[in-house]
């Protein structure tokens, strides 16, 4: 029976140090470092790491860094600036280093972490992307990875605008023509920017700055980003729209989205076909968000009039690349962050992050998970998985509206409030909500920071149950307010998207969608169908999936009453083809359906 007591918990900043060790782990640090445990009664998650007074840590700077950043490092540590190291040379040097700073040109592989013999505690990436760092190996070896995500924002935005204007007025092509001794004024007639519609795809820091500048050029700016706060967009006169509306109405498209499995090749033959004929595209984000072969076809067909690209799937691209050689393409060699001011800013930002991490301070730009005690992970492990998957399910159910801004998490437990630390669970829900559509890596260290940065307010509520406190949780419920849903049945009676789950025999299960009770294992992916409750529905849907060789792992039906509406939840091992999903939607009694990837 549920006790009447509900404990509301507000979002709070974590105080767990980012450079941390499991209580049960063997400290990999040399004698130059000491460990100060918290008092036993505080039940800490980690140790604080601090440098002994008689020795300085050593920082290896493997690629050129601005002088101001180097000064900050030298005030705290011994700094070794060794550039253009071979992989073998890097592995040899790293064994005597406590921190490593790189840009995009140095690969920090598993071999590097193995060669450090546990001494390497921090890797700093002077920039945003961390594709060149083996995050799994870093976490396995207890090494924190930090980056510098903010310092190059203005530089990237300015380069985007430079490419936009240069493309519209054929600056690069006309320059090459004049230097070749030609004078072809009629050939290089451009188009005006005033009054044209610019679609900013990804309304984060860089996208917002591009929008500001485009408004100053007299353009009408729309933006698509499921997490963009509507008030921030309105403040600069930008209209938030859906993905397809942005594509179909834009005269110019500027890409500022991260490269994730969701956004990989998001501009492809299918999406190009939905664009206005003669659209012009700028990309200063990530090369992989465009299917480059499809872009060449769209350029040849006249669907895309021009493209201006600073990033490519392979860098540098091949000399015979059809895309690079295309007459309607303006290309630059990944210059987005290449201003003197941005380079100095990145140097300072990464130096501050690395020094802070070596001091044992909380790192807001940490991109991998800290170590936590084995006993806590053992107890919460199935609930950690449940929390992340409920977040992933909930955000995939969102469609339109003003973006995800308010999320309420409810924990039902027989334990006293002080006996259940939900920080890790909240972090995993935040991870599930944000990572599917972002390049941000969310963990216990940075979850609250990332949520606050994106205008995402997460509140927690505790429902106290009667019963044995042996089991830490009975269920977790995630609720997203003030949004529209791709699956109307996920809207509860009170008007919010609501999903609920439990752990059964160590496996996370989805047990409620909206007001419908279901029971499906959160393994693989899920198809949700709202249907008229009548005989043969399970067989019809199962038959479609069977014909497409899609294996069904679980199936559950929740209904209001016999012969009324019901929701069928189907667990599948493979992702069905679009044609297969359409066949399910064509079954007469199916009123709506949605496919959700876990």
Protein backbone atom coordinates (compact mmCIF):
# COMPACT_ATOMS: atom_id res chain seq x y z
CA UNK A 1 0.00 0.00 0.00
CA UNK A 2 1.32 3.43 -0.90
CA UNK A 3 2.02 5.68 2.05
CA UNK A 4 0.54 9.14 1.76
CA UNK A 5 3.95 10.68 2.13
CA UNK A 6 5.47 12.03 -1.12
CA UNK A 7 8.91 13.56 -0.89
CA UNK A 8 9.59 16.08 -3.66
CA UNK A 9 13.25 16.53 -4.51
CA UNK A 10 14.54 19.43 -6.61
CA UNK A 11 17.40 19.22 -9.08
CA UNK A 12 20.68 19.54 -7.23
CA UNK A 13 24.31 19.89 -8.26
CA UNK A 14 26.45 16.83 -7.70
CA UNK A 15 29.48 17.22 -5.51
CA UNK A 16 31.23 14.02 -6.52
CA UNK A 17 34.84 14.79 -7.57
CA UNK A 18 35.53 13.98 -11.19
CA UNK A 19 38.98 12.47 -10.72
CA UNK A 20 37.85 9.49 -8.75
CA UNK A 21 38.43 5.89 -7.78
CA UNK A 22 36.21 3.06 -6.70
CA UNK A 23 36.42 2.36 -2.98
CA UNK A 24 37.20 -1.22 -3.87
CA UNK A 25 39.80 -0.46 -6.54
CA UNK A 26 43.56 -0.48 -6.21
CA UNK A 27 44.86 3.09 -6.52
CA UNK A 28 46.94 3.34 -9.73
CA UNK A 29 48.63 6.58 -8.67
CA UNK A 30 52.35 6.90 -7.95
CA UNK A 31 53.63 7.94 -4.55
CA UNK A 32 53.51 11.60 -5.63
CA UNK A 33 49.74 11.44 -5.09
CA UNK A 34 47.85 10.84 -1.87
CA UNK A 35 44.25 9.74 -1.33
CA UNK A 36 41.99 11.43 1.23
CA UNK A 37 38.89 9.37 2.03
CA UNK A 38 35.68 11.03 3.18
CA UNK A 39 34.50 10.33 6.74
CA UNK A 40 32.94 6.87 6.89
CA UNK A 41 29.50 8.08 7.97
CA UNK A 42 29.10 10.08 4.73
CA UNK A 43 28.95 6.88 2.64
CA UNK A 44 31.04 8.41 -0.19
CA UNK A 45 31.04 7.28 -3.78
CA UNK A 46 34.65 8.25 -4.45
CA UNK A 47 37.97 9.39 -3.06
CA UNK A 48 39.29 12.90 -3.64
CA UNK A 49 42.63 12.86 -5.41
CA UNK A 50 45.16 15.51 -4.41
CA UNK A 51 48.77 16.13 -5.33
CA UNK A 52 51.37 15.84 -2.61
CA UNK A 53 53.24 19.03 -1.80
CA UNK A 54 56.65 17.60 -2.66
CA UNK A 55 55.94 16.80 -6.32
CA UNK A 56 54.21 18.34 -9.31
CA UNK A 57 52.18 16.29 -11.78
CA UNK A 58 53.49 16.03 -15.34
CA UNK A 59 51.35 17.14 -18.29
CA UNK A 60 52.24 16.06 -21.83
CA UNK A 61 51.03 18.51 -24.49
CA UNK A 62 51.12 16.53 -27.74
CA UNK A 63 49.80 19.23 -30.10
CA UNK A 64 50.28 22.99 -30.28
CA UNK A 65 48.48 24.91 -27.55
CA UNK A 66 48.09 28.67 -27.04
CA UNK A 67 50.56 30.44 -24.77
CA UNK A 68 47.98 31.48 -22.17
CA UNK A 69 46.90 27.87 -21.77
CA UNK A 70 50.50 26.72 -21.42
CA UNK A 71 51.10 29.38 -18.76
CA UNK A 72 48.18 28.07 -16.69
CA UNK A 73 49.55 24.54 -16.96
CA UNK A 74 53.10 25.55 -16.04
CA UNK A 75 51.91 27.34 -12.92
CA UNK A 76 50.58 24.01 -11.62
CA UNK A 77 52.50 21.20 -13.30
CA UNK A 78 55.65 20.15 -15.13
CA UNK A 79 54.79 20.60 -18.82
CA UNK A 80 56.34 18.58 -21.66
CA UNK A 81 55.50 20.00 -25.09
CA UNK A 82 56.31 17.25 -27.59
CA UNK A 83 54.56 17.59 -30.95
CA UNK A 84 54.17 15.23 -33.93
CA UNK A 85 54.81 12.10 -31.87
CA UNK A 86 54.45 8.73 -33.52
CA UNK A 87 52.09 6.28 -31.76
CA UNK A 88 55.15 4.43 -30.47
CA UNK A 89 56.75 7.62 -29.13
CA UNK A 90 53.50 8.64 -27.43
CA UNK A 91 53.19 5.27 -25.71
CA UNK A 92 56.78 5.51 -24.49
CA UNK A 93 56.36 9.03 -23.05
CA UNK A 94 52.96 8.48 -21.46
CA UNK A 95 54.24 6.16 -18.73
CA UNK A 96 55.67 9.17 -16.82
CA UNK A 97 52.73 11.53 -17.39
CA UNK A 98 49.68 12.31 -15.25
CA UNK A 99 47.76 14.20 -17.94
CA UNK A 100 47.75 14.39 -21.74
CA UNK A 101 46.43 17.23 -23.91
CA UNK A 102 45.68 16.66 -27.62
CA UNK A 103 43.74 18.20 -30.47
CA UNK A 104 42.18 16.13 -33.26
CA UNK A 105 45.43 14.93 -34.84
CA UNK A 106 46.61 12.59 -32.06
CA UNK A 107 44.94 9.21 -31.54
CA UNK A 108 44.64 8.32 -27.87
CA UNK A 109 44.15 4.59 -28.27
CA UNK A 110 43.87 1.71 -25.84
CA UNK A 111 47.60 1.18 -26.31
CA UNK A 112 48.22 4.62 -24.81
CA UNK A 113 46.21 3.82 -21.67
CA UNK A 114 47.86 0.42 -21.32
CA UNK A 115 51.30 1.99 -21.70
CA UNK A 116 50.54 4.51 -18.95
CA UNK A 117 50.42 1.66 -16.40
CA UNK A 118 47.63 3.45 -14.54
CA UNK A 119 49.46 6.76 -14.08
CA UNK A 120 47.52 8.74 -16.69
CA UNK A 121 44.60 10.34 -14.87
CA UNK A 122 43.29 13.00 -17.29
CA UNK A 123 43.10 13.34 -21.08
CA UNK A 124 42.21 16.83 -22.27
CA UNK A 125 40.84 17.30 -25.79
CA UNK A 126 41.43 20.89 -26.93
CA UNK A 127 38.18 21.16 -28.87
CA UNK A 128 34.74 19.59 -28.93
CA UNK A 129 34.92 16.23 -30.68
CA UNK A 130 36.45 13.25 -28.88
CA UNK A 131 36.42 10.77 -31.79
CA UNK A 132 40.20 10.37 -31.46
CA UNK A 133 40.03 9.22 -27.81
CA UNK A 134 39.11 5.65 -26.84
CA UNK A 135 36.53 6.50 -24.17
CA UNK A 136 35.87 2.91 -23.20
CA UNK A 137 39.56 2.31 -22.54
CA UNK A 138 39.85 5.61 -20.66
CA UNK A 139 37.02 4.64 -18.33
CA UNK A 140 38.36 1.12 -17.91
CA UNK A 141 41.74 2.51 -16.82
CA UNK A 142 40.14 5.08 -14.51
CA UNK A 143 41.19 8.05 -16.65
CA UNK A 144 38.96 11.11 -16.88
CA UNK A 145 38.45 12.67 -20.34
CA UNK A 146 37.57 16.37 -20.59
CA UNK A 147 37.05 18.63 -23.59
CA UNK A 148 36.68 22.35 -24.40
CA UNK A 149 33.22 22.74 -25.93
CA UNK A 150 32.55 26.48 -25.68
CA UNK A 151 35.61 28.51 -26.69
CA UNK A 152 35.25 28.10 -30.46
CA UNK A 153 31.51 28.89 -30.66
CA UNK A 154 31.81 32.35 -32.22
CA UNK A 155 34.58 31.29 -34.61
CA UNK A 156 32.50 28.39 -35.94
CA UNK A 157 29.44 30.62 -36.33
CA UNK A 158 31.42 33.30 -38.16
CA UNK A 159 32.84 30.69 -40.52
CA UNK A 160 29.34 29.40 -41.20
CA UNK A 161 28.19 32.90 -42.15
CA UNK A 162 31.33 33.43 -44.25
CA UNK A 163 30.58 30.26 -46.22
CA UNK A 164 26.91 31.24 -46.53
CA UNK A 165 27.75 34.59 -48.13
CA UNK A 166 30.64 33.26 -50.22
CA UNK A 167 28.42 30.51 -51.62
CA UNK A 168 25.54 32.85 -52.40
CA UNK A 169 27.83 35.20 -54.34
CA UNK A 170 30.15 32.57 -55.90
CA UNK A 171 33.18 34.19 -54.29
CA UNK A 172 35.51 31.17 -54.42
CA UNK A 173 34.66 30.29 -58.03
CA UNK A 174 34.92 33.90 -59.22
CA UNK A 175 38.26 34.33 -57.43
CA UNK A 176 39.67 31.23 -59.16
CA UNK A 177 38.32 32.47 -62.49
CA UNK A 178 39.95 35.91 -62.20
CA UNK A 179 43.28 34.39 -61.15
CA UNK A 180 43.08 32.18 -64.23
CA UNK A 181 42.95 35.32 -66.40
CA UNK A 182 39.19 35.26 -67.04
CA UNK A 183 36.53 37.94 -66.53
CA UNK A 184 33.16 36.11 -66.37
CA UNK A 185 30.73 38.51 -64.70
CA UNK A 186 27.65 36.92 -66.24
CA UNK A 187 28.64 33.40 -65.19
CA UNK A 188 28.90 34.22 -61.49
CA UNK A 189 25.65 36.07 -60.85
CA UNK A 190 24.66 35.21 -57.27
CA UNK A 191 21.56 35.32 -55.11
CA UNK A 192 20.63 37.74 -52.33
CA UNK A 193 20.30 36.70 -48.68
CA UNK A 194 17.73 39.36 -47.72
CA UNK A 195 14.25 37.92 -47.30
CA UNK A 196 15.39 34.33 -47.80
CA UNK A 197 14.56 31.57 -45.32
CA UNK A 198 17.47 29.98 -43.46
CA UNK A 199 16.84 26.71 -41.62
CA UNK A 200 19.28 26.22 -38.75
CA UNK A 201 19.40 22.48 -38.07
CA UNK A 202 20.61 22.22 -34.48
CA UNK A 203 19.96 25.23 -32.25
CA UNK A 204 22.79 24.86 -29.75
CA UNK A 205 25.53 27.39 -29.10
CA UNK A 206 26.86 27.62 -32.67
CA UNK A 207 23.43 27.37 -34.29
CA UNK A 208 22.13 30.17 -32.08
CA UNK A 209 25.03 32.45 -33.01
CA UNK A 210 24.55 31.71 -36.72
CA UNK A 211 20.87 32.58 -36.37
CA UNK A 212 21.70 35.91 -34.69
CA UNK A 213 24.02 36.88 -37.52
CA UNK A 214 21.64 35.70 -40.24
CA UNK A 215 18.86 37.84 -38.74
CA UNK A 216 21.24 40.78 -39.01
CA UNK A 217 21.58 40.05 -42.72
CA UNK A 218 17.81 40.34 -43.16
CA UNK A 219 17.06 36.61 -43.41
CA UNK A 220 13.98 34.87 -42.06
CA UNK A 221 15.34 32.19 -39.71
CA UNK A 222 13.65 28.97 -38.63
CA UNK A 223 15.30 26.28 -36.53
CA UNK A 224 14.84 22.62 -35.74
CA UNK A 225 16.09 21.18 -32.46
CA UNK A 226 13.97 19.04 -30.11
CA UNK A 227 15.75 20.49 -27.08
CA UNK A 228 15.83 24.16 -28.03
CA UNK A 229 14.02 26.33 -25.47
CA UNK A 230 11.22 28.20 -27.22
CA UNK A 231 11.84 31.37 -25.19
CA UNK A 232 15.50 31.51 -26.30
CA UNK A 233 14.44 31.16 -29.93
CA UNK A 234 11.73 33.80 -29.62
CA UNK A 235 14.18 36.20 -27.97
CA UNK A 236 16.17 36.46 -31.20
CA UNK A 237 13.21 36.19 -33.55
CA UNK A 238 13.63 32.54 -34.57
CA UNK A 239 10.72 30.18 -35.17
CA UNK A 240 11.11 26.55 -34.02
CA UNK A 241 9.65 24.09 -36.55
CA UNK A 242 9.61 20.37 -37.22
CA UNK A 243 12.33 18.60 -39.19
CA UNK A 244 10.36 18.15 -42.41
CA UNK A 245 8.94 21.68 -42.33
CA UNK A 246 12.47 23.07 -41.98
CA UNK A 247 13.63 21.06 -45.00
CA UNK A 248 10.68 21.91 -47.23
CA UNK A 249 10.56 25.67 -46.59
CA UNK A 250 14.25 26.61 -46.51
CA UNK A 251 16.14 28.49 -49.21
CA UNK A 252 19.34 27.91 -47.23
CA UNK A 253 20.10 25.13 -44.72
CA UNK A 254 22.89 25.49 -42.15
CA UNK A 255 23.85 22.30 -40.28
CA UNK A 256 24.86 22.47 -36.61
CA UNK A 257 23.88 19.05 -35.32
CA UNK A 258 26.23 16.53 -33.72
CA UNK A 259 27.19 13.27 -35.38
CA UNK A 260 25.26 10.51 -33.61
CA UNK A 261 23.67 7.26 -34.83
CA UNK A 262 20.43 9.25 -35.19
CA UNK A 263 21.97 12.05 -37.29
CA UNK A 264 24.41 9.98 -39.36
CA UNK A 265 23.62 10.67 -43.04
CA UNK A 266 20.44 12.47 -41.99
CA UNK A 267 20.68 14.39 -45.27
CA UNK A 268 20.28 11.63 -47.86
CA UNK A 269 18.39 10.89 -51.08
CA UNK A 270 15.08 10.76 -49.19
CA UNK A 271 15.55 14.06 -47.34
CA UNK A 272 17.01 15.86 -50.37
CA UNK A 273 13.84 14.94 -52.27
CA UNK A 274 11.77 16.83 -49.67
CA UNK A 275 13.72 20.07 -50.07
CA UNK A 276 12.80 23.10 -52.12
CA UNK A 277 14.42 22.92 -55.56
CA UNK A 278 17.50 25.13 -55.64
CA UNK A 279 18.22 24.96 -51.90
CA UNK A 280 21.74 25.85 -50.72
CA UNK A 281 23.48 23.96 -47.90
CA UNK A 282 26.20 24.97 -45.42
CA UNK A 283 27.92 22.45 -43.13
CA UNK A 284 30.38 23.50 -40.41
CA UNK A 285 29.26 20.73 -38.01
CA UNK A 286 30.28 17.14 -38.79
CA UNK A 287 30.90 15.60 -42.20
CA UNK A 288 29.02 12.37 -41.47
CA UNK A 289 25.62 14.06 -41.15
CA UNK A 290 25.50 14.28 -44.97
CA UNK A 291 25.47 11.30 -47.32
CA UNK A 292 28.10 12.75 -49.63
CA UNK A 293 27.25 10.53 -52.62
CA UNK A 294 23.59 11.56 -52.27
CA UNK A 295 24.64 15.22 -52.14
CA UNK A 296 26.52 14.84 -55.43
CA UNK A 297 23.38 13.34 -56.99
CA UNK A 298 21.24 16.18 -55.61
CA UNK A 299 23.68 18.77 -57.00
CA UNK A 300 23.71 17.12 -60.41
CA UNK A 301 19.89 17.00 -60.44
CA UNK A 302 19.59 20.66 -59.46
CA UNK A 303 17.72 19.88 -56.24
CA UNK A 304 20.63 21.43 -54.36
CA UNK A 305 21.94 24.50 -56.17
CA UNK A 306 25.13 24.89 -54.14
CA UNK A 307 26.89 23.55 -51.06
CA UNK A 308 29.55 25.12 -48.83
CA UNK A 309 31.37 22.55 -46.71
CA UNK A 310 33.99 22.83 -43.98
CA UNK A 311 33.76 19.21 -42.77
CA UNK A 312 33.80 15.87 -44.53
CA UNK A 313 33.21 12.20 -43.78
CA UNK A 314 36.88 11.51 -44.43
CA UNK A 315 39.42 14.23 -43.65
CA UNK A 316 41.29 15.13 -45.67
CA UNK A 317 39.03 13.96 -48.52
CA UNK A 318 40.54 12.13 -51.48
CA UNK A 319 42.01 14.30 -54.23
CA UNK A 320 39.60 12.82 -56.78
CA UNK A 321 36.49 13.34 -54.62
CA UNK A 322 33.52 14.11 -56.88
CA UNK A 323 32.07 16.29 -54.15
CA UNK A 324 35.18 18.43 -53.68
CA UNK A 325 35.68 18.82 -57.43
CA UNK A 326 32.04 19.73 -58.10
CA UNK A 327 31.76 23.24 -59.56
CA UNK A 328 28.87 24.12 -57.24
CA UNK A 329 30.74 23.22 -54.06
CA UNK A 330 32.80 25.61 -51.94
CA UNK A 331 35.18 23.72 -49.64
CA UNK A 332 37.44 24.70 -46.75
CA UNK A 333 39.76 22.40 -44.73
CA UNK A 334 37.91 22.27 -41.37
CA UNK A 335 38.57 25.90 -40.46
CA UNK A 336 35.55 26.41 -38.17
CA UNK A 337 37.62 26.97 -35.03
CA UNK A 338 40.65 28.43 -36.77
CA UNK A 339 40.86 31.99 -35.51
CA UNK A 340 43.61 33.32 -33.27
CA UNK A 341 41.06 34.22 -30.60
CA UNK A 342 39.35 30.82 -30.64
CA UNK A 343 42.64 28.94 -30.47
CA UNK A 344 43.68 30.93 -27.40
CA UNK A 345 40.26 30.47 -25.82
CA UNK A 346 40.35 26.70 -26.34
CA UNK A 347 43.84 26.58 -24.82
CA UNK A 348 42.68 28.36 -21.67
CA UNK A 349 39.49 26.31 -21.38
CA UNK A 350 41.23 22.94 -21.68
CA UNK A 351 44.10 23.99 -19.39
CA UNK A 352 41.61 25.01 -16.69
CA UNK A 353 39.72 21.73 -17.08
CA UNK A 354 42.87 19.59 -16.85
CA UNK A 355 44.29 21.49 -13.87
CA UNK A 356 40.92 21.31 -12.10
CA UNK A 357 40.67 17.58 -12.70
CA UNK A 358 44.20 16.99 -11.39
CA UNK A 359 43.24 18.92 -8.26
CA UNK A 360 40.25 16.63 -7.80
CA UNK A 361 37.64 19.28 -8.61
CA UNK A 362 34.32 18.60 -10.33
CA UNK A 363 34.77 18.70 -14.11
CA UNK A 364 31.70 20.08 -15.87
CA UNK A 365 33.16 19.10 -19.26
CA UNK A 366 33.88 15.46 -18.36
CA UNK A 367 32.80 13.11 -21.14
CA UNK A 368 33.23 9.70 -19.51
CA UNK A 369 31.87 8.15 -16.35
CA UNK A 370 33.65 8.30 -13.00
CA UNK A 371 34.40 5.14 -11.01
CA UNK A 372 31.91 4.18 -8.28
CA UNK A 373 32.06 1.45 -5.62
CA UNK A 374 31.37 -2.08 -6.77
CA UNK A 375 28.72 -2.68 -4.08
CA UNK A 376 26.67 0.33 -5.23
CA UNK A 377 26.92 -0.67 -8.88
CA UNK A 378 25.94 -4.25 -8.04
CA UNK A 379 22.79 -3.16 -6.21
CA UNK A 380 21.71 -0.48 -8.69
CA UNK A 381 22.95 -2.08 -11.93
CA UNK A 382 19.55 -3.32 -13.21
CA UNK A 383 17.88 -0.05 -12.19
CA UNK A 384 20.61 1.98 -13.91
CA UNK A 385 19.77 0.21 -17.16
CA UNK A 386 16.05 0.72 -16.55
CA UNK A 387 16.53 4.44 -15.88
CA UNK A 388 18.46 5.08 -19.09
CA UNK A 389 16.03 3.09 -21.23
CA UNK A 390 12.99 4.86 -19.80
CA UNK A 391 14.67 8.16 -20.69
CA UNK A 392 15.37 6.93 -24.22
CA UNK A 393 11.79 5.74 -24.66
CA UNK A 394 10.27 8.94 -23.30
CA UNK A 395 12.27 11.32 -25.52
CA UNK A 396 11.54 9.24 -28.64
CA UNK A 397 7.82 9.65 -27.95
CA UNK A 398 8.10 13.46 -28.15
CA UNK A 399 6.92 15.18 -31.31
CA UNK A 400 6.78 18.91 -31.82
CA UNK A 401 5.80 21.38 -29.12
CA UNK A 402 8.27 23.72 -27.48
CA UNK A 403 10.93 21.12 -26.80
CA UNK A 404 11.59 19.02 -23.72
CA UNK A 405 11.92 21.39 -20.77
CA UNK A 406 10.28 19.75 -17.73
CA UNK A 407 10.72 16.15 -16.67
CA UNK A 408 9.45 14.57 -13.44
CA UNK A 409 10.95 11.33 -12.18
CA UNK A 410 9.11 9.28 -9.56
CA UNK A 411 10.83 6.55 -7.54
CA UNK A 412 8.69 4.07 -5.59
CA UNK A 413 10.62 2.43 -2.77
CA UNK A 414 10.20 0.93 0.70
CA UNK A 415 13.44 2.52 1.82
CA UNK A 416 13.73 5.71 3.81
CA UNK A 417 14.65 8.77 1.70
CA UNK A 418 18.14 8.95 3.22
CA UNK A 419 18.77 5.31 2.36
CA UNK A 420 18.49 5.65 -1.41
CA UNK A 421 20.87 7.91 -3.33
CA UNK A 422 19.21 8.59 -6.69
CA UNK A 423 21.96 10.72 -8.24
CA UNK A 424 23.19 7.91 -10.46
CA UNK A 425 19.65 7.02 -11.54
CA UNK A 426 18.85 10.65 -12.34
CA UNK A 427 22.08 10.90 -14.31
CA UNK A 428 21.13 7.84 -16.35
CA UNK A 429 17.65 9.20 -17.07
CA UNK A 430 19.28 12.44 -18.21
CA UNK A 431 21.66 10.37 -20.35
CA UNK A 432 18.71 8.57 -21.96
CA UNK A 433 16.86 11.83 -22.60
CA UNK A 434 19.78 13.73 -24.14
CA UNK A 435 22.25 11.33 -25.79
CA UNK A 436 19.97 9.94 -28.56
CA UNK A 437 19.87 13.37 -30.24
CA UNK A 438 23.13 14.89 -29.06
CA UNK A 439 26.89 14.38 -29.18
CA UNK A 440 27.09 15.12 -25.45
CA UNK A 441 28.29 12.27 -23.22
CA UNK A 442 26.28 12.30 -20.00
CA UNK A 443 27.50 10.72 -16.77
CA UNK A 444 27.30 11.11 -13.02
CA UNK A 445 29.77 13.98 -13.12
CA UNK A 446 28.14 16.19 -15.74
CA UNK A 447 24.46 15.16 -15.82
CA UNK A 448 23.01 18.06 -13.84
CA UNK A 449 25.29 20.55 -15.59
CA UNK A 450 24.25 19.31 -19.05
CA UNK A 451 20.57 19.33 -18.11
CA UNK A 452 20.77 22.89 -16.79
CA UNK A 453 22.78 24.00 -19.83
CA UNK A 454 20.03 22.72 -22.12
CA UNK A 455 17.20 24.25 -20.12
CA UNK A 456 16.02 20.82 -18.98
CA UNK A 457 14.53 20.93 -15.47
CA UNK A 458 14.38 17.53 -13.80
CA UNK A 459 12.49 17.13 -10.54
CA UNK A 460 12.32 13.98 -8.47
CA UNK A 461 9.54 12.61 -6.30
CA UNK A 462 9.72 9.74 -3.85
CA UNK A 463 6.74 7.48 -3.23
CA UNK A 464 7.23 5.61 0.06
CA UNK A 465 5.82 2.07 0.02
CA UNK A 466 5.11 -0.30 2.89
CA UNK A 467 7.21 -3.44 2.69
CA UNK A 468 10.75 -4.77 2.93
CA UNK A 469 13.57 -2.34 2.12
CA UNK A 470 15.68 -5.19 0.75
CA UNK A 471 14.82 -4.23 -2.82
CA UNK A 472 16.00 -0.66 -3.50
CA UNK A 473 13.14 0.23 -5.87
CA UNK A 474 9.74 -1.05 -6.94
CA UNK A 475 9.35 1.11 -10.03
CA UNK A 476 10.62 4.25 -11.80
CA UNK A 477 8.30 6.59 -13.67
CA UNK A 478 9.40 9.25 -16.18
CA UNK A 479 6.99 12.01 -17.14
CA UNK A 480 7.56 14.76 -19.76
CA UNK A 481 5.28 17.79 -19.49
CA UNK A 482 3.99 20.24 -22.11
CA UNK A 483 4.91 18.32 -25.26
CA UNK A 484 3.11 16.59 -28.09
CA UNK A 485 3.56 12.86 -28.64
CA UNK A 486 4.27 10.70 -31.68
CA UNK A 487 2.09 8.09 -29.96
CA UNK A 488 -1.06 9.66 -28.52
CA UNK A 489 -1.67 6.73 -26.18
CA UNK A 490 1.53 7.62 -24.31
CA UNK A 491 -0.26 10.72 -22.99
CA UNK A 492 -1.61 10.01 -19.52
CA UNK A 493 -5.00 11.11 -18.20
CA UNK A 494 -3.31 14.21 -16.75
CA UNK A 495 -1.88 15.20 -20.16
CA UNK A 496 1.82 14.26 -19.98
CA UNK A 497 3.92 11.65 -21.75
CA UNK A 498 4.39 8.96 -19.12
CA UNK A 499 6.37 5.72 -19.11
CA UNK A 500 6.97 3.44 -16.14
CA UNK A 501 9.20 0.45 -15.61
CA UNK A 502 10.27 -2.20 -13.10
CA UNK A 503 13.08 -4.69 -12.78
CA UNK A 504 11.95 -8.32 -12.94
CA UNK A 505 14.46 -11.12 -12.37
CA UNK A 506 17.26 -8.62 -12.98
CA UNK A 507 15.85 -7.47 -16.35
CA UNK A 508 14.33 -3.99 -16.98
CA UNK A 509 10.67 -4.12 -18.05
CA UNK A 510 8.34 -1.47 -19.44
CA UNK A 511 5.16 -1.77 -17.37
CA UNK A 512 3.13 1.32 -18.24
CA UNK A 513 2.67 3.61 -21.23
CA UNK A 514 0.37 6.55 -20.64
CA UNK A 515 -2.61 5.02 -18.85
CA UNK A 516 -2.13 1.54 -20.34
CA UNK A 517 -0.58 -1.30 -18.33
CA UNK A 518 1.88 -3.41 -20.37
CA UNK A 519 4.71 -5.80 -19.57
CA UNK A 520 7.58 -6.03 -22.05
CA UNK A 521 11.30 -6.60 -21.55
CA UNK A 522 13.45 -3.60 -22.46
CA UNK A 523 15.80 -5.59 -24.65
CA UNK A 524 16.29 -4.92 -28.35
CA UNK A 525 13.67 -2.40 -29.52
CA UNK A 526 9.94 -1.91 -29.09
CA UNK A 527 6.90 -1.42 -31.32
CA UNK A 528 3.88 0.16 -29.63
CA UNK A 529 0.48 -0.20 -31.32
CA UNK A 530 -2.87 1.21 -30.28
CA UNK A 531 -5.64 -1.01 -31.56
CA UNK A 532 -9.25 -1.96 -31.25
CA UNK A 533 -9.29 -4.92 -28.85
CA UNK A 534 -10.50 -7.85 -30.94
CA UNK A 535 -9.49 -11.47 -31.61
CA UNK A 536 -6.56 -12.20 -33.92
CA UNK A 537 -4.63 -8.94 -33.51
CA UNK A 538 -1.55 -10.53 -31.99
CA UNK A 539 -1.48 -13.08 -34.80
CA UNK A 540 -1.84 -10.44 -37.52
CA UNK A 541 0.99 -8.28 -36.24
CA UNK A 542 3.17 -11.32 -35.47
CA UNK A 543 2.56 -12.64 -38.98
CA UNK A 544 3.78 -9.39 -40.58
CA UNK A 545 6.95 -9.44 -38.49
CA UNK A 546 7.51 -13.14 -39.13
CA UNK A 547 7.24 -12.66 -42.90
CA UNK A 548 9.93 -9.97 -42.62
CA UNK A 549 12.16 -12.27 -40.52
CA UNK A 550 11.93 -9.96 -37.49
CA UNK A 551 12.20 -11.96 -34.28
CA UNK A 552 9.69 -11.11 -31.54
CA UNK A 553 11.12 -11.43 -28.03
CA UNK A 554 8.10 -10.34 -25.99
CA UNK A 555 4.52 -9.26 -26.58
CA UNK A 556 2.10 -7.73 -24.11
CA UNK A 557 -1.37 -6.18 -24.44
CA UNK A 558 -2.88 -3.65 -22.03
CA UNK A 559 -6.50 -2.64 -22.47
CA UNK A 560 -9.12 -0.37 -20.97
CA UNK A 561 -11.87 -2.97 -21.17
CA UNK A 562 -12.77 -5.98 -23.40
CA UNK A 563 -13.47 -4.97 -27.01
CA UNK A 564 -12.35 -1.39 -26.33
CA UNK A 565 -9.01 0.27 -27.01
CA UNK A 566 -5.80 -1.60 -26.20
CA UNK A 567 -2.06 -0.98 -26.48
CA UNK A 568 0.17 -3.78 -27.73
CA UNK A 569 3.86 -3.61 -26.79
CA UNK A 570 6.12 -5.81 -28.92
CA UNK A 571 9.79 -6.43 -28.20
CA UNK A 572 11.83 -7.10 -31.37
CA UNK A 573 15.45 -8.15 -31.83
CA UNK A 574 15.91 -6.46 -35.21
CA UNK A 575 14.84 -3.10 -36.60
CA UNK A 576 11.97 -3.71 -39.05
CA UNK A 577 12.11 -2.16 -42.48
CA UNK A 578 9.89 0.87 -43.12
CA UNK A 579 7.80 -1.28 -45.43
CA UNK A 580 7.21 -3.77 -42.60
CA UNK A 581 6.09 -1.04 -40.23
CA UNK A 582 3.77 0.33 -42.90
CA UNK A 583 2.15 -3.11 -43.22
CA UNK A 584 1.45 -3.07 -39.49
CA UNK A 585 -0.07 0.40 -39.77
CA UNK A 586 -2.26 -0.80 -42.65
CA UNK A 587 -3.98 -3.44 -40.48
CA UNK A 588 -7.54 -2.02 -40.18
CA UNK A 589 -7.83 -2.28 -36.39
CA UNK A 590 -4.46 -0.56 -35.78
CA UNK A 591 -5.16 3.09 -34.93
CA UNK A 592 -1.54 4.24 -34.40
CA UNK A 593 1.91 2.76 -33.92
CA UNK A 594 5.48 3.82 -33.22
CA UNK A 595 8.88 2.11 -33.39
CA UNK A 596 11.27 2.94 -30.53
CA UNK A 597 14.99 2.11 -30.59
CA UNK A 598 16.76 1.12 -27.40
